[in-house]
């Protein structure tokens, strides 16, 4: 991944955690924050020491960075994002991991093909309102 596309400083990570939004599944957590300055997205990947030894953590980070690199053309510009790897992600092969990461990025509205922007509540009401993506029972 190119240096200009990476979040490197602790301050950058903290800013995304503090001011950003998040979406998660059982394998990953994605935090994102829009940036005011123009330019491509910037990515940081976090893998806690609880995941395992350095070899395991670094492999997981490399896989996530490669997934993002291969799909960079699908991601929105002017956003900082941090992907946190959870323990269940270690059980996945590359293609399943890619599917999971892309699903989360779409859910967060961070892909160019997403029908809604970051932070949109489209489809959030699942209690029975068919107009908002829920069932027809309510």
Protein backbone atom coordinates (compact mmCIF):
# COMPACT_ATOMS: atom_id res chain seq x y z
CA UNK A 1 0.00 0.00 0.00
CA UNK A 2 1.35 3.42 -0.92
CA UNK A 3 2.66 5.56 1.93
CA UNK A 4 0.24 8.41 1.16
CA UNK A 5 -2.69 6.00 1.60
CA UNK A 6 -1.70 4.99 5.15
CA UNK A 7 -2.66 6.34 8.54
CA UNK A 8 0.59 6.29 10.48
CA UNK A 9 0.51 8.47 13.55
CA UNK A 10 -1.22 7.69 16.81
CA UNK A 11 -2.88 11.10 16.53
CA UNK A 12 -4.52 10.11 13.21
CA UNK A 13 -5.86 6.85 14.66
CA UNK A 14 -7.15 8.62 17.77
CA UNK A 15 -8.92 11.26 15.66
CA UNK A 16 -10.74 8.56 13.65
CA UNK A 17 -11.78 6.70 16.82
CA UNK A 18 -12.90 9.88 18.62
CA UNK A 19 -14.66 11.78 15.82
CA UNK A 20 -15.62 8.98 13.45
CA UNK A 21 -18.44 6.52 13.04
CA UNK A 22 -18.21 2.74 13.15
CA UNK A 23 -19.79 -0.41 11.84
CA UNK A 24 -18.91 -3.98 12.83
CA UNK A 25 -19.50 -7.64 12.31
CA UNK A 26 -18.05 -10.64 14.13
CA UNK A 27 -14.77 -10.45 12.19
CA UNK A 28 -13.94 -6.75 11.73
CA UNK A 29 -14.75 -3.27 12.98
CA UNK A 30 -14.49 -0.32 10.60
CA UNK A 31 -14.15 3.21 11.94
CA UNK A 32 -14.27 6.08 9.44
CA UNK A 33 -14.14 9.84 9.45
CA UNK A 34 -14.58 12.24 6.50
CA UNK A 35 -11.62 14.52 5.80
CA UNK A 36 -11.91 18.13 4.67
CA UNK A 37 -8.70 18.13 2.63
CA UNK A 38 -8.95 16.60 -0.85
CA UNK A 39 -7.21 13.37 -1.67
CA UNK A 40 -7.68 9.61 -1.65
CA UNK A 41 -8.78 7.61 1.37
CA UNK A 42 -6.22 6.77 4.04
CA UNK A 43 -6.20 3.38 5.79
CA UNK A 44 -4.96 2.11 9.14
CA UNK A 45 -5.22 -1.51 10.26
CA UNK A 46 -5.20 -2.54 13.90
CA UNK A 47 -4.61 -6.07 15.19
CA UNK A 48 -4.48 -6.40 18.97
CA UNK A 49 -1.89 -8.50 20.78
CA UNK A 50 -4.84 -10.62 21.96
CA UNK A 51 -5.07 -12.08 18.45
CA UNK A 52 -1.80 -13.93 18.79
CA UNK A 53 1.90 -13.52 18.26
CA UNK A 54 3.40 -10.96 15.88
CA UNK A 55 3.47 -13.37 12.93
CA UNK A 56 -0.29 -13.92 13.18
CA UNK A 57 -1.08 -10.22 13.63
CA UNK A 58 1.18 -9.08 10.81
CA UNK A 59 -0.28 -11.68 8.43
CA UNK A 60 -3.81 -10.47 9.22
CA UNK A 61 -2.76 -6.84 8.68
CA UNK A 62 -1.08 -7.66 5.38
CA UNK A 63 -4.15 -9.52 4.14
CA UNK A 64 -6.48 -6.62 5.01
CA UNK A 65 -4.14 -4.10 3.36
CA UNK A 66 -3.98 -6.25 0.23
CA UNK A 67 -7.77 -6.53 0.12
CA UNK A 68 -8.09 -2.75 0.32
CA UNK A 69 -5.30 -2.25 -2.24
CA UNK A 70 -7.03 -4.55 -4.74
CA UNK A 71 -10.36 -2.76 -4.21
CA UNK A 72 -9.04 0.81 -3.84
CA UNK A 73 -10.87 1.95 -6.96
CA UNK A 74 -14.18 1.05 -5.26
CA UNK A 75 -13.58 3.20 -2.15
CA UNK A 76 -14.66 6.79 -1.67
CA UNK A 77 -12.08 9.56 -1.47
CA UNK A 78 -11.56 12.08 1.35
CA UNK A 79 -12.07 9.62 4.18
CA UNK A 80 -9.81 8.17 6.87
CA UNK A 81 -10.63 4.62 7.87
CA UNK A 82 -9.35 2.17 10.46
CA UNK A 83 -10.08 -1.54 10.21
CA UNK A 84 -9.77 -3.55 13.42
CA UNK A 85 -9.20 -7.27 13.01
CA UNK A 86 -11.10 -9.53 15.41
CA UNK A 87 -10.15 -13.08 16.40
CA UNK A 88 -12.77 -14.74 14.17
CA UNK A 89 -11.18 -13.16 11.09
CA UNK A 90 -8.09 -15.32 11.60
CA UNK A 91 -10.11 -18.40 10.65
CA UNK A 92 -10.93 -17.01 7.20
CA UNK A 93 -9.15 -17.57 3.94
CA UNK A 94 -8.32 -14.61 1.73
CA UNK A 95 -11.50 -14.66 -0.37
CA UNK A 96 -13.84 -14.98 2.62
CA UNK A 97 -11.92 -12.21 4.37
CA UNK A 98 -12.28 -10.01 1.28
CA UNK A 99 -16.00 -10.68 1.15
CA UNK A 100 -16.38 -9.75 4.84
CA UNK A 101 -14.32 -6.54 4.59
CA UNK A 102 -16.12 -5.37 1.43
CA UNK A 103 -19.50 -6.11 3.01
CA UNK A 104 -18.62 -3.88 5.98
CA UNK A 105 -17.30 -1.10 3.75
CA UNK A 106 -20.53 -1.21 1.70
CA UNK A 107 -22.60 -1.25 4.89
CA UNK A 108 -20.74 1.87 6.06
CA UNK A 109 -21.38 3.57 2.71
CA UNK A 110 -17.66 3.84 1.97
CA UNK A 111 -17.77 2.29 -1.50
CA UNK A 112 -18.46 4.22 -4.67
CA UNK A 113 -21.26 1.81 -5.61
CA UNK A 114 -23.01 2.20 -2.26
CA UNK A 115 -26.51 3.57 -2.69
CA UNK A 116 -26.09 5.79 0.35
CA UNK A 117 -23.35 7.90 1.87
CA UNK A 118 -21.42 7.34 5.07
CA UNK A 119 -23.60 7.45 8.13
CA UNK A 120 -26.87 7.14 6.26
CA UNK A 121 -29.61 5.28 8.07
CA UNK A 122 -31.06 3.74 4.93
CA UNK A 123 -32.29 0.26 5.70
CA UNK A 124 -31.76 0.69 9.44
CA UNK A 125 -35.42 0.09 10.33
CA UNK A 126 -35.93 -3.68 10.27
CA UNK A 127 -39.03 -3.76 12.51
CA UNK A 128 -41.63 -4.08 9.83
CA UNK A 129 -41.67 -1.00 7.64
CA UNK A 130 -41.41 -2.32 4.04
CA UNK A 131 -40.52 1.16 2.81
CA UNK A 132 -37.40 1.07 4.96
CA UNK A 133 -36.30 -2.48 4.21
CA UNK A 134 -38.25 -4.30 6.94
CA UNK A 135 -40.83 -7.03 6.73
CA UNK A 136 -44.50 -6.43 6.02
CA UNK A 137 -45.89 -7.54 9.38
CA UNK A 138 -45.97 -4.23 11.22
